[in-house]
């Protein structure tokens, strides 16, 4: 991402990926460092938006929240997500590279990372 935008990762994002992002100079805040386990997705989404951070998630429910915010005209910086099963097909290095290849403004506020390309 141009300028390495600040990120907020939900509890489903694997620790080694967070470590790799930080090693590449990313500013990453982890949900588990701020809120107790079981905190609702809406709280995490709201926090990322308030802090002007791009939310990184493996939780499809976050897209539901993002679409609700878009329908309500509520701004947020962006949501980048992929399903948990993609960890088997995308290595941490590839995920970091895919994040670094993104640039703002996003063509659409919700970006899906996929294996390949």
N, C-alpha and C. Protein backbone atom coordinates (compact mmCIF):
# COMPACT_ATOMS: atom_id res chain seq x y z
N UNK A 1 0.86 -1.17 0.00
CA UNK A 1 0.00 0.00 0.00
C UNK A 1 0.89 1.22 0.00
N UNK A 2 0.60 2.12 -0.85
CA UNK A 2 1.38 3.34 -0.91
C UNK A 2 1.34 4.00 0.46
N UNK A 3 2.51 4.29 1.00
CA UNK A 3 2.56 4.96 2.29
C UNK A 3 2.30 4.05 3.47
N UNK A 4 2.14 2.77 3.19
CA UNK A 4 1.91 1.80 4.27
C UNK A 4 0.88 2.30 5.28
N UNK A 5 -0.37 2.27 4.88
CA UNK A 5 -1.44 2.74 5.74
C UNK A 5 -1.49 1.95 7.04
N UNK A 6 -1.96 2.55 8.10
CA UNK A 6 -2.07 1.81 9.36
C UNK A 6 -3.14 0.73 9.27
N UNK A 7 -2.86 -0.42 9.88
CA UNK A 7 -3.75 -1.56 9.83
C UNK A 7 -4.30 -1.90 11.20
N UNK A 8 -5.46 -2.51 11.20
CA UNK A 8 -6.08 -3.06 12.41
C UNK A 8 -6.45 -4.50 12.06
N UNK A 9 -5.91 -5.47 12.76
CA UNK A 9 -6.20 -6.86 12.45
C UNK A 9 -7.16 -7.44 13.47
N UNK A 10 -8.15 -8.17 12.96
CA UNK A 10 -9.06 -8.82 13.90
C UNK A 10 -8.40 -10.06 14.48
N UNK A 11 -9.06 -10.69 15.41
CA UNK A 11 -8.47 -11.81 16.16
C UNK A 11 -8.20 -13.04 15.30
N UNK A 12 -8.79 -13.13 14.11
CA UNK A 12 -8.61 -14.30 13.26
C UNK A 12 -7.34 -14.25 12.42
N UNK A 13 -6.71 -13.10 12.31
CA UNK A 13 -5.50 -12.97 11.49
C UNK A 13 -4.34 -13.61 12.24
N UNK A 14 -3.62 -14.49 11.55
CA UNK A 14 -2.55 -15.27 12.18
C UNK A 14 -1.38 -14.40 12.65
N UNK A 15 -0.84 -14.73 13.81
CA UNK A 15 0.29 -14.02 14.40
C UNK A 15 1.51 -13.92 13.50
N UNK A 16 1.91 -15.01 12.81
CA UNK A 16 3.07 -14.91 11.94
C UNK A 16 2.90 -13.88 10.81
N UNK A 17 1.67 -13.70 10.34
CA UNK A 17 1.43 -12.67 9.32
C UNK A 17 1.61 -11.29 9.92
N UNK A 18 1.10 -11.10 11.12
CA UNK A 18 1.27 -9.81 11.79
C UNK A 18 2.76 -9.53 12.00
N UNK A 19 3.50 -10.53 12.44
CA UNK A 19 4.95 -10.37 12.61
C UNK A 19 5.62 -10.00 11.30
N UNK A 20 5.22 -10.66 10.21
CA UNK A 20 5.81 -10.37 8.90
C UNK A 20 5.48 -8.95 8.45
N UNK A 21 4.26 -8.51 8.67
CA UNK A 21 3.89 -7.14 8.31
C UNK A 21 4.72 -6.13 9.09
N UNK A 22 4.85 -6.36 10.38
CA UNK A 22 5.64 -5.45 11.21
C UNK A 22 7.11 -5.45 10.77
N UNK A 23 7.63 -6.62 10.42
CA UNK A 23 9.02 -6.70 9.95
C UNK A 23 9.22 -5.93 8.65
N UNK A 24 8.14 -5.75 7.90
CA UNK A 24 8.19 -4.98 6.65
C UNK A 24 7.82 -3.51 6.87
N UNK A 25 7.73 -3.10 8.12
CA UNK A 25 7.51 -1.69 8.42
C UNK A 25 6.07 -1.24 8.56
N UNK A 26 5.16 -2.17 8.64
CA UNK A 26 3.75 -1.80 8.77
C UNK A 26 3.40 -1.45 10.22
N UNK A 27 2.51 -0.49 10.38
CA UNK A 27 1.94 -0.13 11.68
C UNK A 27 0.69 -0.98 11.85
N UNK A 28 0.77 -1.96 12.74
CA UNK A 28 -0.33 -2.92 12.92
C UNK A 28 -0.79 -2.88 14.37
N UNK A 29 -2.09 -2.70 14.56
CA UNK A 29 -2.72 -2.82 15.87
C UNK A 29 -3.58 -4.07 15.83
N UNK A 30 -3.40 -4.93 16.84
CA UNK A 30 -4.16 -6.17 16.91
C UNK A 30 -5.38 -6.00 17.81
N UNK A 31 -6.50 -6.51 17.36
CA UNK A 31 -7.73 -6.45 18.14
C UNK A 31 -7.54 -7.08 19.51
N UNK A 32 -6.79 -8.19 19.56
CA UNK A 32 -6.63 -8.90 20.84
C UNK A 32 -5.82 -8.12 21.86
N UNK A 33 -5.12 -7.08 21.40
CA UNK A 33 -4.38 -6.24 22.34
C UNK A 33 -5.25 -5.15 22.95
N UNK A 34 -6.43 -4.94 22.37
CA UNK A 34 -7.29 -3.85 22.84
C UNK A 34 -8.58 -4.32 23.51
N UNK A 35 -9.10 -5.45 23.06
CA UNK A 35 -10.41 -5.91 23.53
C UNK A 35 -10.34 -7.37 23.96
N UNK A 36 -11.21 -7.76 24.89
CA UNK A 36 -11.21 -9.17 25.31
C UNK A 36 -11.77 -10.09 24.23
N UNK A 37 -11.38 -11.35 24.31
CA UNK A 37 -11.90 -12.36 23.39
C UNK A 37 -13.43 -12.33 23.42
N UNK A 38 -14.05 -12.48 22.28
CA UNK A 38 -15.51 -12.49 22.19
C UNK A 38 -16.13 -11.13 21.95
N UNK A 39 -15.30 -10.08 21.85
CA UNK A 39 -15.84 -8.75 21.54
C UNK A 39 -16.48 -8.79 20.16
N UNK A 40 -17.60 -8.12 20.01
CA UNK A 40 -18.34 -8.19 18.75
C UNK A 40 -17.55 -7.59 17.59
N UNK A 41 -17.80 -8.13 16.41
CA UNK A 41 -17.16 -7.62 15.20
C UNK A 41 -17.47 -6.15 14.98
N UNK A 42 -18.68 -5.74 15.33
CA UNK A 42 -19.07 -4.34 15.14
C UNK A 42 -18.17 -3.39 15.94
N UNK A 43 -17.77 -3.80 17.12
CA UNK A 43 -16.86 -2.98 17.95
C UNK A 43 -15.51 -2.84 17.25
N UNK A 44 -15.00 -3.94 16.72
CA UNK A 44 -13.71 -3.89 16.02
C UNK A 44 -13.80 -3.03 14.76
N UNK A 45 -14.86 -3.18 14.01
CA UNK A 45 -15.03 -2.38 12.79
C UNK A 45 -15.08 -0.90 13.13
N UNK A 46 -15.86 -0.57 14.14
CA UNK A 46 -15.99 0.82 14.59
C UNK A 46 -14.64 1.38 15.02
N UNK A 47 -13.88 0.59 15.77
CA UNK A 47 -12.58 1.06 16.25
C UNK A 47 -11.64 1.33 15.08
N UNK A 48 -11.58 0.41 14.14
CA UNK A 48 -10.72 0.61 12.96
C UNK A 48 -11.13 1.88 12.22
N UNK A 49 -12.42 2.10 12.06
CA UNK A 49 -12.90 3.30 11.36
C UNK A 49 -12.54 4.57 12.14
N UNK A 50 -12.76 4.56 13.44
CA UNK A 50 -12.45 5.73 14.27
C UNK A 50 -10.97 6.08 14.23
N UNK A 51 -10.12 5.06 14.17
CA UNK A 51 -8.66 5.26 14.16
C UNK A 51 -8.11 5.45 12.74
N UNK A 52 -8.98 5.45 11.74
CA UNK A 52 -8.61 5.62 10.33
C UNK A 52 -7.62 4.54 9.88
N UNK A 53 -7.88 3.31 10.32
CA UNK A 53 -7.05 2.18 9.97
C UNK A 53 -7.80 1.27 8.99
N UNK A 54 -7.07 0.63 8.11
CA UNK A 54 -7.65 -0.38 7.24
C UNK A 54 -7.80 -1.65 8.07
N UNK A 55 -9.00 -2.20 8.07
CA UNK A 55 -9.27 -3.42 8.82
C UNK A 55 -8.85 -4.62 7.97
N UNK A 56 -8.08 -5.52 8.57
CA UNK A 56 -7.63 -6.75 7.91
C UNK A 56 -8.29 -7.90 8.66
N UNK A 57 -8.99 -8.77 7.91
CA UNK A 57 -9.81 -9.77 8.57
C UNK A 57 -9.91 -11.05 7.75
N UNK A 58 -10.23 -12.13 8.43
CA UNK A 58 -10.58 -13.40 7.79
C UNK A 58 -12.03 -13.74 8.07
N UNK A 59 -12.78 -12.81 8.59
CA UNK A 59 -14.14 -13.04 9.05
C UNK A 59 -15.14 -12.48 8.04
N UNK A 60 -15.93 -13.35 7.39
CA UNK A 60 -16.89 -12.86 6.39
C UNK A 60 -17.95 -11.92 6.98
N UNK A 61 -18.17 -12.01 8.29
CA UNK A 61 -19.14 -11.10 8.92
C UNK A 61 -18.69 -9.65 8.83
N UNK A 62 -17.38 -9.42 8.73
CA UNK A 62 -16.89 -8.04 8.60
C UNK A 62 -17.38 -7.40 7.30
N UNK A 63 -17.51 -8.21 6.24
CA UNK A 63 -18.01 -7.67 4.98
C UNK A 63 -19.48 -7.26 5.11
N UNK A 64 -20.23 -8.00 5.87
CA UNK A 64 -21.64 -7.64 6.12
C UNK A 64 -21.70 -6.27 6.80
N UNK A 65 -20.83 -6.07 7.79
CA UNK A 65 -20.79 -4.78 8.49
C UNK A 65 -20.35 -3.68 7.52
N UNK A 66 -19.33 -3.94 6.72
CA UNK A 66 -18.85 -2.95 5.75
C UNK A 66 -19.96 -2.55 4.78
N UNK A 67 -20.69 -3.53 4.29
CA UNK A 67 -21.79 -3.22 3.36
C UNK A 67 -22.89 -2.42 4.03
N UNK A 68 -23.14 -2.69 5.30
CA UNK A 68 -24.13 -1.92 6.05
C UNK A 68 -23.65 -0.46 6.18
N UNK A 69 -22.38 -0.28 6.52
CA UNK A 69 -21.83 1.07 6.64
C UNK A 69 -21.91 1.80 5.31
N UNK A 70 -21.58 1.11 4.22
CA UNK A 70 -21.65 1.75 2.90
C UNK A 70 -23.08 2.18 2.58
N UNK A 71 -24.05 1.32 2.88
CA UNK A 71 -25.45 1.65 2.63
C UNK A 71 -25.91 2.84 3.47
N UNK A 72 -25.33 2.99 4.65
CA UNK A 72 -25.68 4.10 5.55
C UNK A 72 -24.87 5.36 5.25
N UNK A 73 -23.92 5.27 4.33
CA UNK A 73 -23.08 6.42 4.00
C UNK A 73 -22.03 6.73 5.06
N UNK A 74 -21.69 5.74 5.87
CA UNK A 74 -20.69 5.94 6.93
C UNK A 74 -19.29 5.65 6.36
N UNK A 75 -18.36 6.55 6.57
CA UNK A 75 -17.03 6.35 5.99
C UNK A 75 -16.16 5.38 6.81
N UNK A 76 -15.32 4.66 6.11
CA UNK A 76 -14.26 3.85 6.73
C UNK A 76 -13.15 3.73 5.70
N UNK A 77 -11.95 3.53 6.17
CA UNK A 77 -10.78 3.57 5.29
C UNK A 77 -10.72 2.39 4.34
N UNK A 78 -11.10 1.23 4.80
CA UNK A 78 -11.10 0.06 3.94
C UNK A 78 -11.12 -1.22 4.74
N UNK A 79 -11.47 -2.29 4.04
CA UNK A 79 -11.50 -3.63 4.61
C UNK A 79 -10.80 -4.55 3.63
N UNK A 80 -9.81 -5.28 4.10
CA UNK A 80 -9.12 -6.28 3.29
C UNK A 80 -9.37 -7.62 3.95
N UNK A 81 -9.90 -8.58 3.17
CA UNK A 81 -10.19 -9.87 3.77
C UNK A 81 -9.94 -11.02 2.82
N UNK A 82 -9.81 -12.18 3.42
CA UNK A 82 -9.69 -13.45 2.71
C UNK A 82 -10.13 -14.52 3.68
N UNK A 83 -10.64 -15.65 3.17
CA UNK A 83 -11.08 -16.73 4.07
C UNK A 83 -9.91 -17.45 4.72
N UNK A 84 -10.15 -18.00 5.89
CA UNK A 84 -9.12 -18.73 6.64
C UNK A 84 -8.46 -19.82 5.80
N UNK A 85 -9.25 -20.50 4.98
CA UNK A 85 -8.68 -21.62 4.21
C UNK A 85 -7.61 -21.17 3.22
N UNK A 86 -7.57 -19.88 2.90
CA UNK A 86 -6.53 -19.38 1.98
C UNK A 86 -5.14 -19.37 2.61
N UNK A 87 -5.06 -19.49 3.93
CA UNK A 87 -3.73 -19.57 4.56
C UNK A 87 -2.97 -20.80 4.04
N UNK A 88 -3.72 -21.84 3.64
CA UNK A 88 -3.09 -23.05 3.11
C UNK A 88 -2.55 -22.81 1.70
N UNK A 89 -3.10 -21.83 0.98
CA UNK A 89 -2.72 -21.58 -0.40
C UNK A 89 -1.89 -20.31 -0.58
N UNK A 90 -1.94 -19.44 0.40
CA UNK A 90 -1.17 -18.19 0.37
C UNK A 90 -0.19 -18.19 1.53
N UNK A 91 1.08 -18.12 1.26
CA UNK A 91 2.05 -18.01 2.34
C UNK A 91 2.03 -16.61 2.93
N UNK A 92 2.64 -16.46 4.08
CA UNK A 92 2.66 -15.16 4.74
C UNK A 92 3.38 -14.13 3.87
N UNK A 93 4.46 -14.53 3.21
CA UNK A 93 5.17 -13.61 2.33
C UNK A 93 4.30 -13.15 1.18
N UNK A 94 3.50 -14.07 0.62
CA UNK A 94 2.61 -13.71 -0.48
C UNK A 94 1.51 -12.76 0.00
N UNK A 95 1.00 -13.00 1.21
CA UNK A 95 -0.01 -12.10 1.76
C UNK A 95 0.55 -10.70 1.97
N UNK A 96 1.77 -10.62 2.51
CA UNK A 96 2.40 -9.31 2.68
C UNK A 96 2.56 -8.64 1.32
N UNK A 97 3.02 -9.38 0.32
CA UNK A 97 3.20 -8.81 -1.02
C UNK A 97 1.88 -8.32 -1.61
N UNK A 98 0.81 -9.07 -1.39
CA UNK A 98 -0.50 -8.65 -1.90
C UNK A 98 -0.97 -7.37 -1.21
N UNK A 99 -0.73 -7.26 0.09
CA UNK A 99 -1.09 -6.04 0.80
C UNK A 99 -0.25 -4.87 0.30
N UNK A 100 1.03 -5.10 0.09
CA UNK A 100 1.90 -4.03 -0.38
C UNK A 100 1.56 -3.59 -1.80
N UNK A 101 0.94 -4.46 -2.58
CA UNK A 101 0.58 -4.13 -3.95
C UNK A 101 -0.68 -3.26 -4.04
N UNK A 102 -1.44 -3.22 -2.95
CA UNK A 102 -2.65 -2.39 -2.95
C UNK A 102 -2.27 -0.92 -2.83
N UNK A 103 -3.08 -0.07 -3.39
CA UNK A 103 -2.83 1.36 -3.22
C UNK A 103 -4.15 2.08 -3.00
N UNK A 104 -4.07 3.14 -2.25
CA UNK A 104 -5.25 3.95 -1.98
C UNK A 104 -5.34 5.05 -3.02
N UNK A 105 -6.53 5.52 -3.32
CA UNK A 105 -7.80 4.99 -2.80
C UNK A 105 -8.13 3.65 -3.44
N UNK A 106 -8.76 2.77 -2.67
CA UNK A 106 -9.17 1.48 -3.20
C UNK A 106 -10.25 1.71 -4.25
N UNK A 107 -10.30 0.86 -5.28
CA UNK A 107 -11.37 0.99 -6.27
C UNK A 107 -12.74 0.74 -5.64
N UNK A 108 -12.77 -0.04 -4.60
CA UNK A 108 -13.96 -0.31 -3.81
C UNK A 108 -13.45 -0.50 -2.39
N UNK A 109 -14.18 -0.06 -1.38
CA UNK A 109 -13.65 -0.11 0.00
C UNK A 109 -13.41 -1.51 0.55
N UNK A 110 -13.95 -2.54 -0.10
CA UNK A 110 -13.75 -3.91 0.38
C UNK A 110 -12.91 -4.65 -0.66
N UNK A 111 -11.73 -5.12 -0.23
CA UNK A 111 -10.81 -5.81 -1.11
C UNK A 111 -10.69 -7.27 -0.67
N UNK A 112 -10.85 -8.20 -1.60
CA UNK A 112 -10.70 -9.62 -1.34
C UNK A 112 -9.35 -10.08 -1.88
N UNK A 113 -8.51 -10.64 -1.03
CA UNK A 113 -7.23 -11.20 -1.47
C UNK A 113 -7.47 -12.66 -1.87
N UNK A 114 -6.91 -13.02 -3.03
CA UNK A 114 -7.10 -14.36 -3.56
C UNK A 114 -5.76 -14.95 -3.95
N UNK A 115 -5.66 -16.28 -3.91
CA UNK A 115 -4.43 -16.92 -4.38
C UNK A 115 -4.19 -16.61 -5.86
N UNK A 116 -2.93 -16.65 -6.26
CA UNK A 116 -2.60 -16.40 -7.66
C UNK A 116 -2.52 -14.92 -7.97
N UNK A 117 -2.23 -14.62 -9.19
CA UNK A 117 -2.09 -13.24 -9.71
C UNK A 117 -1.24 -12.44 -8.83
